[in-house]
Amino acid sequence: MPMLQIEDVAHVIQTALTPAFLLSGIAALLNVFSTRLGRVADQVDRMAALVAGANAAEAAHLSAQLAFLKRRTRFLDVAVVLGAIGGALTCLAALLLFVGSLRNSGVATALFAAFGFALVSAIGAVAAFLAEMLLSSRGLREEVAVRQAEADAGSVEASPTRASTEP
């Protein structure tokens, strides 16, 4: 097997780093998705506080808004999953470029191993982020369902009471 020159190793690393620009863009998108999910959670909390003192009409309106927020979390889930898959596949492409150029050499092999482990770690980080985001949005949807049920119960309970007390 031919020995790898340091220039060859540097070229392989440069080639493998090229997808890093795409990965940076994907990371920025995932950050946006995460921020938007946080905003949805804040809106759910705000509406949950309003449900407690709402009359029938307000409770029905809040229930509709909570249903809308639940749909938003599903779209955000899809965006996060696709972004995470894109990020993992970008890392995998870089890893395949990297491993495809691997040859047996002393220092070059250690350099390849270190860089390859970095790429595998990045894939694992994207996968862990995906799992956390899905858990977070699942919890948010469960909270929305509870608050929506409270709003629905408030509108059902408030309607007959208001009808019987009004002249």
N, C-alpha and C. Protein backbone atom coordinates (compact mmCIF):
# COMPACT_ATOMS: atom_id res chain seq x y z
N MET A 1 0.84 -1.18 0.00
CA MET A 1 0.00 0.00 0.00
C MET A 1 0.88 1.24 0.00
N PRO A 2 0.50 2.22 -0.80
CA PRO A 2 1.31 3.44 -0.83
C PRO A 2 1.12 4.25 0.45
N MET A 3 2.17 4.95 0.84
CA MET A 3 2.13 5.80 2.03
C MET A 3 1.40 7.09 1.68
N LEU A 4 0.59 7.56 2.61
CA LEU A 4 -0.11 8.83 2.40
C LEU A 4 0.80 9.99 2.76
N GLN A 5 0.83 10.96 1.91
CA GLN A 5 1.55 12.19 2.19
C GLN A 5 0.62 13.13 2.96
N ILE A 6 1.20 14.03 3.72
CA ILE A 6 0.40 14.97 4.51
C ILE A 6 -0.50 15.81 3.61
N GLU A 7 -0.04 16.11 2.39
CA GLU A 7 -0.85 16.88 1.44
C GLU A 7 -2.09 16.09 1.04
N ASP A 8 -1.92 14.77 0.88
CA ASP A 8 -3.06 13.92 0.54
C ASP A 8 -4.09 13.91 1.66
N VAL A 9 -3.59 13.82 2.89
CA VAL A 9 -4.48 13.82 4.06
C VAL A 9 -5.21 15.16 4.15
N ALA A 10 -4.48 16.24 3.95
CA ALA A 10 -5.10 17.57 4.01
C ALA A 10 -6.17 17.71 2.93
N HIS A 11 -5.92 17.19 1.75
CA HIS A 11 -6.91 17.26 0.67
C HIS A 11 -8.17 16.47 1.03
N VAL A 12 -8.00 15.30 1.61
CA VAL A 12 -9.15 14.49 1.99
C VAL A 12 -9.98 15.21 3.06
N ILE A 13 -9.30 15.81 4.04
CA ILE A 13 -10.02 16.54 5.08
C ILE A 13 -10.74 17.74 4.48
N GLN A 14 -10.11 18.46 3.56
CA GLN A 14 -10.77 19.58 2.91
C GLN A 14 -12.02 19.11 2.17
N THR A 15 -11.91 17.99 1.48
CA THR A 15 -13.05 17.44 0.74
C THR A 15 -14.16 17.03 1.71
N ALA A 16 -13.79 16.41 2.81
CA ALA A 16 -14.78 15.97 3.78
C ALA A 16 -15.41 17.15 4.52
N LEU A 17 -14.69 18.26 4.64
CA LEU A 17 -15.22 19.42 5.33
C LEU A 17 -16.16 20.24 4.45
N THR A 18 -16.13 20.03 3.16
CA THR A 18 -16.99 20.79 2.27
C THR A 18 -18.47 20.71 2.68
N PRO A 19 -18.99 19.55 3.07
CA PRO A 19 -20.39 19.50 3.51
C PRO A 19 -20.65 20.26 4.81
N ALA A 20 -19.60 20.74 5.47
CA ALA A 20 -19.79 21.48 6.72
C ALA A 20 -20.61 22.75 6.49
N PHE A 21 -20.51 23.33 5.31
CA PHE A 21 -21.31 24.52 5.02
C PHE A 21 -22.80 24.17 5.01
N LEU A 22 -23.14 23.05 4.40
CA LEU A 22 -24.54 22.60 4.42
C LEU A 22 -24.95 22.27 5.85
N LEU A 23 -24.08 21.62 6.58
CA LEU A 23 -24.38 21.26 7.96
C LEU A 23 -24.59 22.51 8.82
N SER A 24 -23.83 23.56 8.58
CA SER A 24 -24.02 24.82 9.32
C SER A 24 -25.40 25.41 9.04
N GLY A 25 -25.82 25.36 7.78
CA GLY A 25 -27.15 25.84 7.43
C GLY A 25 -28.25 25.02 8.08
N ILE A 26 -28.07 23.72 8.10
CA ILE A 26 -29.05 22.84 8.74
C ILE A 26 -29.11 23.11 10.23
N ALA A 27 -27.95 23.31 10.84
CA ALA A 27 -27.91 23.62 12.28
C ALA A 27 -28.65 24.92 12.58
N ALA A 28 -28.49 25.90 11.72
CA ALA A 28 -29.20 27.17 11.91
C ALA A 28 -30.71 26.96 11.81
N LEU A 29 -31.13 26.13 10.85
CA LEU A 29 -32.56 25.83 10.72
C LEU A 29 -33.08 25.11 11.96
N LEU A 30 -32.33 24.14 12.47
CA LEU A 30 -32.76 23.43 13.67
C LEU A 30 -32.87 24.38 14.86
N ASN A 31 -31.99 25.35 14.92
CA ASN A 31 -32.07 26.36 15.98
C ASN A 31 -33.36 27.18 15.84
N VAL A 32 -33.71 27.54 14.62
CA VAL A 32 -34.95 28.28 14.39
C VAL A 32 -36.15 27.43 14.80
N PHE A 33 -36.14 26.15 14.42
CA PHE A 33 -37.25 25.27 14.77
C PHE A 33 -37.39 25.15 16.28
N SER A 34 -36.27 25.03 16.96
CA SER A 34 -36.27 24.91 18.41
C SER A 34 -36.84 26.18 19.06
N THR A 35 -36.45 27.33 18.56
CA THR A 35 -36.96 28.60 19.07
C THR A 35 -38.46 28.71 18.84
N ARG A 36 -38.91 28.30 17.67
CA ARG A 36 -40.35 28.38 17.37
C ARG A 36 -41.13 27.43 18.27
N LEU A 37 -40.58 26.26 18.55
CA LEU A 37 -41.25 25.33 19.46
C LEU A 37 -41.36 25.95 20.85
N GLY A 38 -40.33 26.66 21.28
CA GLY A 38 -40.38 27.35 22.56
C GLY A 38 -41.46 28.42 22.59
N ARG A 39 -41.63 29.12 21.48
CA ARG A 39 -42.70 30.13 21.41
C ARG A 39 -44.07 29.49 21.48
N VAL A 40 -44.24 28.36 20.83
CA VAL A 40 -45.51 27.65 20.90
C VAL A 40 -45.78 27.24 22.34
N ALA A 41 -44.77 26.74 23.01
CA ALA A 41 -44.93 26.33 24.42
C ALA A 41 -45.33 27.52 25.28
N ASP A 42 -44.74 28.68 25.03
CA ASP A 42 -45.11 29.88 25.78
C ASP A 42 -46.57 30.26 25.53
N GLN A 43 -47.02 30.13 24.29
CA GLN A 43 -48.42 30.45 23.97
C GLN A 43 -49.36 29.46 24.66
N VAL A 44 -48.98 28.19 24.70
CA VAL A 44 -49.80 27.19 25.39
C VAL A 44 -49.91 27.55 26.87
N ASP A 45 -48.81 27.92 27.49
CA ASP A 45 -48.84 28.31 28.90
C ASP A 45 -49.75 29.52 29.13
N ARG A 46 -49.65 30.50 28.24
CA ARG A 46 -50.48 31.70 28.37
C ARG A 46 -51.96 31.36 28.24
N MET A 47 -52.29 30.53 27.26
CA MET A 47 -53.69 30.15 27.06
C MET A 47 -54.20 29.27 28.19
N ALA A 48 -53.34 28.45 28.74
CA ALA A 48 -53.74 27.59 29.85
C ALA A 48 -54.14 28.44 31.05
N ALA A 49 -53.43 29.52 31.26
CA ALA A 49 -53.79 30.42 32.36
C ALA A 49 -55.12 31.11 32.10
N LEU A 50 -55.42 31.37 30.84
CA LEU A 50 -56.67 32.04 30.49
C LEU A 50 -57.87 31.10 30.58
N VAL A 51 -57.66 29.80 30.37
CA VAL A 51 -58.76 28.83 30.38
C VAL A 51 -59.45 28.81 31.73
N ALA A 52 -58.68 28.94 32.81
CA ALA A 52 -59.25 28.84 34.15
C ALA A 52 -60.37 29.84 34.40
N GLY A 53 -60.21 31.07 33.93
CA GLY A 53 -61.23 32.07 34.19
C GLY A 53 -62.10 32.39 32.99
N ALA A 54 -62.12 31.53 32.00
CA ALA A 54 -62.84 31.82 30.76
C ALA A 54 -64.31 31.44 30.85
N ASN A 55 -65.14 32.24 30.18
CA ASN A 55 -66.56 31.87 30.06
C ASN A 55 -66.70 30.91 28.88
N ALA A 56 -67.90 30.51 28.54
CA ALA A 56 -68.13 29.49 27.51
C ALA A 56 -67.57 29.91 26.16
N ALA A 57 -67.84 31.12 25.74
CA ALA A 57 -67.37 31.57 24.42
C ALA A 57 -65.84 31.67 24.39
N GLU A 58 -65.27 32.22 25.46
CA GLU A 58 -63.81 32.32 25.54
C GLU A 58 -63.17 30.94 25.57
N ALA A 59 -63.75 30.02 26.33
CA ALA A 59 -63.19 28.67 26.42
C ALA A 59 -63.23 27.98 25.06
N ALA A 60 -64.30 28.16 24.30
CA ALA A 60 -64.38 27.56 22.96
C ALA A 60 -63.32 28.16 22.05
N HIS A 61 -63.13 29.48 22.15
CA HIS A 61 -62.10 30.14 21.33
C HIS A 61 -60.71 29.65 21.73
N LEU A 62 -60.44 29.54 23.02
CA LEU A 62 -59.15 29.05 23.49
C LEU A 62 -58.91 27.61 23.06
N SER A 63 -59.96 26.80 23.07
CA SER A 63 -59.84 25.41 22.63
C SER A 63 -59.43 25.36 21.16
N ALA A 64 -60.03 26.22 20.34
CA ALA A 64 -59.68 26.26 18.91
C ALA A 64 -58.23 26.71 18.73
N GLN A 65 -57.79 27.69 19.53
CA GLN A 65 -56.41 28.14 19.44
C GLN A 65 -55.43 27.06 19.88
N LEU A 66 -55.80 26.32 20.91
CA LEU A 66 -54.94 25.21 21.36
C LEU A 66 -54.84 24.13 20.29
N ALA A 67 -55.94 23.85 19.59
CA ALA A 67 -55.90 22.87 18.49
C ALA A 67 -54.95 23.35 17.39
N PHE A 68 -54.99 24.65 17.11
CA PHE A 68 -54.09 25.22 16.12
C PHE A 68 -52.63 25.06 16.56
N LEU A 69 -52.35 25.33 17.81
CA LEU A 69 -50.99 25.17 18.32
C LEU A 69 -50.53 23.72 18.26
N LYS A 70 -51.45 22.80 18.48
CA LYS A 70 -51.11 21.38 18.39
C LYS A 70 -50.69 21.03 16.96
N ARG A 71 -51.40 21.57 15.98
CA ARG A 71 -51.02 21.34 14.57
C ARG A 71 -49.65 21.93 14.29
N ARG A 72 -49.38 23.10 14.85
CA ARG A 72 -48.07 23.71 14.65
C ARG A 72 -46.95 22.82 15.18
N THR A 73 -47.15 22.20 16.35
CA THR A 73 -46.10 21.34 16.90
C THR A 73 -45.85 20.15 15.98
N ARG A 74 -46.88 19.66 15.32
CA ARG A 74 -46.68 18.54 14.40
C ARG A 74 -45.84 18.96 13.19
N PHE A 75 -46.12 20.14 12.64
CA PHE A 75 -45.31 20.64 11.54
C PHE A 75 -43.87 20.87 11.98
N LEU A 76 -43.70 21.40 13.18
CA LEU A 76 -42.34 21.59 13.70
C LEU A 76 -41.64 20.25 13.88
N ASP A 77 -42.37 19.22 14.31
CA ASP A 77 -41.78 17.88 14.42
C ASP A 77 -41.26 17.40 13.07
N VAL A 78 -42.07 17.57 12.05
CA VAL A 78 -41.66 17.15 10.70
C VAL A 78 -40.42 17.92 10.27
N ALA A 79 -40.41 19.24 10.52
CA ALA A 79 -39.26 20.05 10.14
C ALA A 79 -38.00 19.61 10.88
N VAL A 80 -38.13 19.32 12.16
CA VAL A 80 -36.97 18.89 12.96
C VAL A 80 -36.47 17.53 12.48
N VAL A 81 -37.40 16.61 12.24
CA VAL A 81 -36.99 15.27 11.77
C VAL A 81 -36.27 15.38 10.43
N LEU A 82 -36.84 16.13 9.49
CA LEU A 82 -36.19 16.26 8.18
C LEU A 82 -34.85 16.98 8.29
N GLY A 83 -34.78 18.01 9.13
CA GLY A 83 -33.51 18.71 9.33
C GLY A 83 -32.47 17.81 9.96
N ALA A 84 -32.87 17.04 10.95
CA ALA A 84 -31.92 16.13 11.61
C ALA A 84 -31.46 15.03 10.66
N ILE A 85 -32.38 14.51 9.87
CA ILE A 85 -31.99 13.50 8.88
C ILE A 85 -31.03 14.11 7.87
N GLY A 86 -31.33 15.33 7.43
CA GLY A 86 -30.43 16.01 6.50
C GLY A 86 -29.05 16.23 7.10
N GLY A 87 -29.01 16.63 8.37
CA GLY A 87 -27.73 16.82 9.03
C GLY A 87 -26.96 15.52 9.19
N ALA A 88 -27.67 14.48 9.59
CA ALA A 88 -27.00 13.18 9.76
C ALA A 88 -26.50 12.65 8.42
N LEU A 89 -27.29 12.80 7.37
CA LEU A 89 -26.85 12.34 6.05
C LEU A 89 -25.69 13.17 5.52
N THR A 90 -25.66 14.45 5.84
CA THR A 90 -24.53 15.28 5.45
C THR A 90 -23.25 14.80 6.15
N CYS A 91 -23.37 14.52 7.44
CA CYS A 91 -22.22 13.97 8.17
C CYS A 91 -21.82 12.62 7.62
N LEU A 92 -22.81 11.80 7.29
CA LEU A 92 -22.52 10.49 6.73
C LEU A 92 -21.81 10.61 5.38
N ALA A 93 -22.24 11.56 4.55
CA ALA A 93 -21.58 11.77 3.27
C ALA A 93 -20.12 12.18 3.48
N ALA A 94 -19.89 13.08 4.43
CA ALA A 94 -18.51 13.49 4.73
C ALA A 94 -17.70 12.30 5.24
N LEU A 95 -18.32 11.49 6.09
CA LEU A 95 -17.63 10.31 6.62
C LEU A 95 -17.29 9.33 5.51
N LEU A 96 -18.22 9.13 4.58
CA LEU A 96 -17.96 8.20 3.47
C LEU A 96 -16.85 8.73 2.56
N LEU A 97 -16.84 10.04 2.32
CA LEU A 97 -15.73 10.62 1.55
C LEU A 97 -14.41 10.38 2.28
N PHE A 98 -14.47 10.56 3.57
CA PHE A 98 -13.30 10.44 4.41
C PHE A 98 -12.80 8.99 4.44
N VAL A 99 -13.69 8.07 4.75
CA VAL A 99 -13.31 6.66 4.86
C VAL A 99 -12.90 6.10 3.50
N GLY A 100 -13.55 6.59 2.44
CA GLY A 100 -13.20 6.13 1.09
C GLY A 100 -11.77 6.43 0.71
N SER A 101 -11.20 7.42 1.32
CA SER A 101 -9.81 7.80 1.01
C SER A 101 -8.80 7.19 1.97
N LEU A 102 -9.27 6.42 2.93
CA LEU A 102 -8.40 5.88 3.97
C LEU A 102 -7.44 4.84 3.39
N ARG A 103 -6.19 5.02 3.73
CA ARG A 103 -5.15 4.07 3.38
C ARG A 103 -4.29 3.84 4.61
N ASN A 104 -3.48 2.84 4.58
CA ASN A 104 -2.67 2.49 5.75
C ASN A 104 -1.41 3.36 5.82
N SER A 105 -1.31 4.15 6.86
CA SER A 105 -0.15 5.00 7.09
C SER A 105 -0.13 5.38 8.56
N GLY A 106 1.03 5.59 9.13
CA GLY A 106 1.19 5.88 10.56
C GLY A 106 0.44 7.11 11.05
N VAL A 107 0.98 8.29 10.85
CA VAL A 107 0.38 9.53 11.34
C VAL A 107 -0.92 9.81 10.60
N ALA A 108 -0.95 9.52 9.32
CA ALA A 108 -2.16 9.77 8.53
C ALA A 108 -3.33 8.95 9.06
N THR A 109 -3.07 7.72 9.47
CA THR A 109 -4.13 6.87 10.01
C THR A 109 -4.68 7.45 11.31
N ALA A 110 -3.80 7.93 12.17
CA ALA A 110 -4.26 8.55 13.41
C ALA A 110 -5.08 9.80 13.13
N LEU A 111 -4.64 10.60 12.16
CA LEU A 111 -5.37 11.80 11.77
C LEU A 111 -6.74 11.43 11.20
N PHE A 112 -6.76 10.43 10.35
CA PHE A 112 -8.03 9.95 9.79
C PHE A 112 -8.96 9.44 10.89
N ALA A 113 -8.41 8.70 11.83
CA ALA A 113 -9.22 8.15 12.92
C ALA A 113 -9.84 9.26 13.76
N ALA A 114 -9.04 10.28 14.09
CA ALA A 114 -9.55 11.38 14.89
C ALA A 114 -10.66 12.12 14.16
N PHE A 115 -10.45 12.41 12.89
CA PHE A 115 -11.45 13.14 12.12
C PHE A 115 -12.69 12.28 11.90
N GLY A 116 -12.50 11.00 11.65
CA GLY A 116 -13.64 10.09 11.47
C GLY A 116 -14.47 10.00 12.72
N PHE A 117 -13.82 9.93 13.88
CA PHE A 117 -14.56 9.90 15.15
C PHE A 117 -15.33 11.20 15.36
N ALA A 118 -14.76 12.32 14.95
CA ALA A 118 -15.46 13.60 15.05
C ALA A 118 -16.74 13.58 14.21
N LEU A 119 -16.67 13.03 13.03
CA LEU A 119 -17.86 12.95 12.17
C LEU A 119 -18.91 12.01 12.77
N VAL A 120 -18.48 10.87 13.29
CA VAL A 120 -19.42 9.94 13.92
C VAL A 120 -20.06 10.60 15.15
N SER A 121 -19.29 11.36 15.90
CA SER A 121 -19.83 12.07 17.05
C SER A 121 -20.86 13.10 16.63
N ALA A 122 -20.61 13.80 15.53
CA ALA A 122 -21.56 14.79 15.03
C ALA A 122 -22.87 14.11 14.63
N ILE A 123 -22.78 12.96 14.00
CA ILE A 123 -23.99 12.21 13.64
C ILE A 123 -24.77 11.83 14.90
N GLY A 124 -24.06 11.37 15.92
CA GLY A 124 -24.70 11.02 17.19
C GLY A 124 -25.34 12.22 17.86
N ALA A 125 -24.69 13.37 17.78
CA ALA A 125 -25.24 14.60 18.38
C ALA A 125 -26.53 15.01 17.68
N VAL A 126 -26.55 14.92 16.36
CA VAL A 126 -27.76 15.26 15.61
C VAL A 126 -28.88 14.29 15.98
N ALA A 127 -28.56 13.01 16.12
CA ALA A 127 -29.57 12.02 16.50
C ALA A 127 -30.10 12.29 17.90
N ALA A 128 -29.23 12.63 18.83
CA ALA A 128 -29.66 12.93 20.20
C ALA A 128 -30.53 14.19 20.23
N PHE A 129 -30.16 15.19 19.44
CA PHE A 129 -30.97 16.42 19.36
C PHE A 129 -32.35 16.10 18.80
N LEU A 130 -32.40 15.28 17.79
CA LEU A 130 -33.68 14.87 17.21
C LEU A 130 -34.55 14.20 18.27
N ALA A 131 -33.99 13.27 19.01
CA ALA A 131 -34.76 12.58 20.04
C ALA A 131 -35.27 13.55 21.10
N GLU A 132 -34.43 14.49 21.52
CA GLU A 132 -34.85 15.47 22.54
C GLU A 132 -35.95 16.37 22.01
N MET A 133 -35.84 16.82 20.78
CA MET A 133 -36.88 17.69 20.21
C MET A 133 -38.20 16.96 20.10
N LEU A 134 -38.16 15.70 19.70
CA LEU A 134 -39.39 14.92 19.59
C LEU A 134 -40.03 14.71 20.96
N LEU A 135 -39.22 14.44 21.97
CA LEU A 135 -39.75 14.30 23.33
C LEU A 135 -40.36 15.62 23.81
N SER A 136 -39.68 16.70 23.52
CA SER A 136 -40.16 18.02 23.93
C SER A 136 -41.50 18.35 23.28
N SER A 137 -41.60 18.13 22.00
CA SER A 137 -42.85 18.48 21.33
C SER A 137 -43.97 17.50 21.69
N ARG A 138 -43.62 16.26 22.00
CA ARG A 138 -44.64 15.31 22.46
C ARG A 138 -45.21 15.77 23.80
N GLY A 139 -44.33 16.21 24.69
CA GLY A 139 -44.78 16.74 25.97
C GLY A 139 -45.63 17.98 25.79
N LEU A 140 -45.25 18.82 24.85
CA LEU A 140 -46.03 20.02 24.57
C LEU A 140 -47.41 19.66 24.04
N ARG A 141 -47.49 18.68 23.14
CA ARG A 141 -48.79 18.26 22.62
C ARG A 141 -49.66 17.67 23.72
N GLU A 142 -49.07 16.93 24.65
CA GLU A 142 -49.83 16.39 25.78
C GLU A 142 -50.38 17.52 26.64
N GLU A 143 -49.56 18.54 26.87
CA GLU A 143 -50.01 19.71 27.63
C GLU A 143 -51.15 20.42 26.90
N VAL A 144 -51.01 20.56 25.58
CA VAL A 144 -52.07 21.18 24.80
C VAL A 144 -53.36 20.38 24.92
N ALA A 145 -53.27 19.06 24.85
CA ALA A 145 -54.46 18.21 24.94
C ALA A 145 -55.15 18.39 26.29
N VAL A 146 -54.37 18.45 27.37
CA VAL A 146 -54.95 18.66 28.70
C VAL A 146 -55.64 20.01 28.77
N ARG A 147 -54.96 21.05 28.31
CA ARG A 147 -55.54 22.39 28.37
C ARG A 147 -56.75 22.52 27.45
N GLN A 148 -56.69 21.84 26.31
CA GLN A 148 -57.83 21.88 25.39
C GLN A 148 -59.03 21.18 26.01
N ALA A 149 -58.80 20.06 26.69
CA ALA A 149 -59.89 19.35 27.37
C ALA A 149 -60.48 20.23 28.47
N GLU A 150 -59.63 20.96 29.21
CA GLU A 150 -60.12 21.88 30.22
C GLU A 150 -60.96 22.98 29.59
N ALA A 151 -60.49 23.50 28.44
CA ALA A 151 -61.24 24.56 27.76
C ALA A 151 -62.57 24.03 27.25
N ASP A 152 -62.55 22.82 26.68
CA ASP A 152 -63.80 22.22 26.20
C ASP A 152 -64.76 21.96 27.35
N ALA A 153 -64.24 21.46 28.47
CA ALA A 153 -65.09 21.21 29.64
C ALA A 153 -65.64 22.52 30.18
N GLY A 154 -64.83 23.58 30.14
CA GLY A 154 -65.28 24.89 30.61
C GLY A 154 -66.39 25.45 29.75
N SER A 155 -66.30 25.23 28.44
CA SER A 155 -67.36 25.76 27.56
C SER A 155 -68.63 24.93 27.70
N VAL A 156 -68.52 23.62 27.94
CA VAL A 156 -69.70 22.77 28.12
C VAL A 156 -70.35 23.05 29.46
N GLU A 157 -69.54 23.17 30.52
CA GLU A 157 -70.08 23.42 31.85
C GLU A 157 -70.65 24.82 31.96
N ALA A 158 -70.02 25.79 31.32
CA ALA A 158 -70.45 27.17 31.45
C ALA A 158 -71.73 27.45 30.66
N SER A 159 -71.94 26.76 29.57
CA SER A 159 -73.11 27.04 28.73
C SER A 159 -74.43 26.81 29.45
N PRO A 160 -74.70 25.63 30.04
CA PRO A 160 -75.98 25.44 30.71
C PRO A 160 -76.14 26.35 31.93
N THR A 161 -75.09 26.60 32.67
CA THR A 161 -75.17 27.44 33.85
C THR A 161 -75.54 28.86 33.46
N ARG A 162 -74.88 29.38 32.44
CA ARG A 162 -75.16 30.74 31.99
C ARG A 162 -76.58 30.83 31.43
N ALA A 163 -77.02 29.81 30.72
CA ALA A 163 -78.36 29.83 30.13
C ALA A 163 -79.43 29.84 31.22
N SER A 164 -79.21 29.13 32.31
CA SER A 164 -80.21 29.03 33.37
C SER A 164 -80.23 30.27 34.26
N THR A 165 -79.13 31.01 34.34
CA THR A 165 -79.10 32.19 35.22
C THR A 165 -79.43 33.46 34.48
N GLU A 166 -79.40 33.45 33.16
CA GLU A 166 -79.68 34.67 32.41
C GLU A 166 -81.18 34.83 32.24
N PRO A 167 -81.70 36.08 32.30
CA PRO A 167 -83.15 36.28 32.17
C PRO A 167 -83.64 36.10 30.75
